[in-house]
Structure formats: C-alpha cells, structure tokens
Amino acid sequence: MSFTLSSYAQQSIHGNVVDSQSGEPLPGVTVMVKGMSIGTSTDIDGRFSITLPPHRG
C-alpha cells in the first residue's frame, strides 16, 4: 500500500492499495485510520482518500 500525507488545516490521506505480488489494484478494500472510527473503501482502481478532522491538542 502506498499513501501520501498532506498538511493543511484538515489533513488528507490518499493513496492506492495494490496486490503485493502482482501489483494489480485492489478495489473494495476497507482502509481505516488506526485509533479512530474513520475509514473508507478503495475505488475500482484501488484508490482511496480520507479527510481527517482538525487536530485537537
């Protein structure tokens, strides 16, 4: 799995989920943020995007 993290007022995590052997995209995979009840599923091309709420210190 690959992802990138952007730093804005709200953070966005996005990336692609692929099969480790074939490199083919994996649609319908559930991607969750550890320790939070935030998640999404990958699209038909294995892509996902999650917007995190603003951090509360």
C-alpha atoms as a PDB file:
ATOM      1  CA  MET A   1       0.000   0.000   0.000  1.00  0.00           C
ATOM      2  CA  SER A   2       1.184   3.486  -0.714  1.00  0.00           C
ATOM      3  CA  PHE A   3      -0.116   6.758   0.642  1.00  0.00           C
ATOM      4  CA  THR A   4       0.778  10.395   0.967  1.00  0.00           C
ATOM      5  CA  LEU A   5       0.010  12.815   3.766  1.00  0.00           C
ATOM      6  CA  SER A   6      -0.719  16.474   3.144  1.00  0.00           C
ATOM      7  CA  SER A   7      -0.552  19.026   5.949  1.00  0.00           C
ATOM      8  CA  TYR A   8      -3.379  21.572   5.877  1.00  0.00           C
ATOM      9  CA  ALA A   9      -5.970  22.732   8.414  1.00  0.00           C
ATOM     10  CA  GLN A  10      -7.609  19.399   7.738  1.00  0.00           C
ATOM     11  CA  GLN A  11      -5.264  16.594   6.800  1.00  0.00           C
ATOM     12  CA  SER A  12      -5.980  14.362   3.859  1.00  0.00           C
ATOM     13  CA  ILE A  13      -4.565  10.874   3.435  1.00  0.00           C
ATOM     14  CA  HIS A  14      -4.773   9.348  -0.014  1.00  0.00           C
ATOM     15  CA  GLY A  15      -3.150   6.532  -1.889  1.00  0.00           C
ATOM     16  CA  ASN A  16      -3.527   3.245  -3.722  1.00  0.00           C
ATOM     17  CA  VAL A  17      -3.908  -0.299  -2.442  1.00  0.00           C
ATOM     18  CA  VAL A  18      -2.313  -2.919  -4.685  1.00  0.00           C
ATOM     19  CA  ASP A  19      -1.629  -6.653  -4.536  1.00  0.00           C
ATOM     20  CA  SER A  20       1.910  -7.139  -3.223  1.00  0.00           C
ATOM     21  CA  GLN A  21       2.741  -9.840  -5.764  1.00  0.00           C
ATOM     22  CA  SER A  22       1.006  -8.775  -8.960  1.00  0.00           C
ATOM     23  CA  GLY A  23       0.872  -5.008  -8.422  1.00  0.00           C
ATOM     24  CA  GLU A  24      -2.770  -5.046  -9.523  1.00  0.00           C
ATOM     25  CA  PRO A  25      -5.102  -2.508  -7.847  1.00  0.00           C
ATOM     26  CA  LEU A  26      -7.445  -3.877  -5.165  1.00  0.00           C
ATOM     27  CA  PRO A  27     -10.985  -2.437  -5.334  1.00  0.00           C
ATOM     28  CA  GLY A  28     -13.327  -2.579  -2.340  1.00  0.00           C
ATOM     29  CA  VAL A  29     -10.611  -2.739   0.344  1.00  0.00           C
ATOM     30  CA  THR A  30     -11.540  -1.076   3.644  1.00  0.00           C
ATOM     31  CA  VAL A  31      -8.932   1.471   4.790  1.00  0.00           C
ATOM     32  CA  MET A  32      -9.216   2.638   8.421  1.00  0.00           C
ATOM     33  CA  VAL A  33      -7.309   5.229  10.463  1.00  0.00           C
ATOM     34  CA  LYS A  34      -5.790   3.405  13.429  1.00  0.00           C
ATOM     35  CA  GLY A  35      -7.323   4.506  16.724  1.00  0.00           C
ATOM     36  CA  MET A  36     -10.210   6.345  15.037  1.00  0.00           C
ATOM     37  CA  SER A  37     -13.579   5.387  13.635  1.00  0.00           C
ATOM     38  CA  ILE A  38     -12.725   6.988  10.287  1.00  0.00           C
ATOM     39  CA  GLY A  39     -12.360   4.950   7.147  1.00  0.00           C
ATOM     40  CA  THR A  40     -13.292   4.422   3.528  1.00  0.00           C
ATOM     41  CA  SER A  41     -13.145   1.827   0.758  1.00  0.00           C
ATOM     42  CA  THR A  42     -10.926   1.793  -2.296  1.00  0.00           C
ATOM     43  CA  ASP A  43     -12.492   2.553  -5.664  1.00  0.00           C
ATOM     44  CA  ILE A  44     -12.359   0.318  -8.737  1.00  0.00           C
ATOM     45  CA  ASP A  45      -8.735   1.425  -9.343  1.00  0.00           C
ATOM     46  CA  GLY A  46      -7.634   0.748  -5.741  1.00  0.00           C
ATOM     47  CA  ARG A  47      -7.537   4.470  -4.861  1.00  0.00           C
ATOM     48  CA  PHE A  48      -8.723   5.973  -1.579  1.00  0.00           C
ATOM     49  CA  SER A  49      -8.865   9.344   0.169  1.00  0.00           C
ATOM     50  CA  ILE A  50      -9.658  10.120   3.806  1.00  0.00           C
ATOM     51  CA  THR A  51     -10.026  13.621   5.287  1.00  0.00           C
ATOM     52  CA  LEU A  52      -9.153  13.795   8.969  1.00  0.00           C
ATOM     53  CA  PRO A  53     -10.864  16.204  11.365  1.00  0.00           C
ATOM     54  CA  PRO A  54      -8.773  19.100  12.705  1.00  0.00           C
ATOM     55  CA  HIS A  55      -6.373  18.009  15.442  1.00  0.00           C
ATOM     56  CA  ARG A  56      -7.424  18.915  18.952  1.00  0.00           C
ATOM     57  CA  GLY A  57      -4.403  19.351  21.218  1.00  0.00           C
END
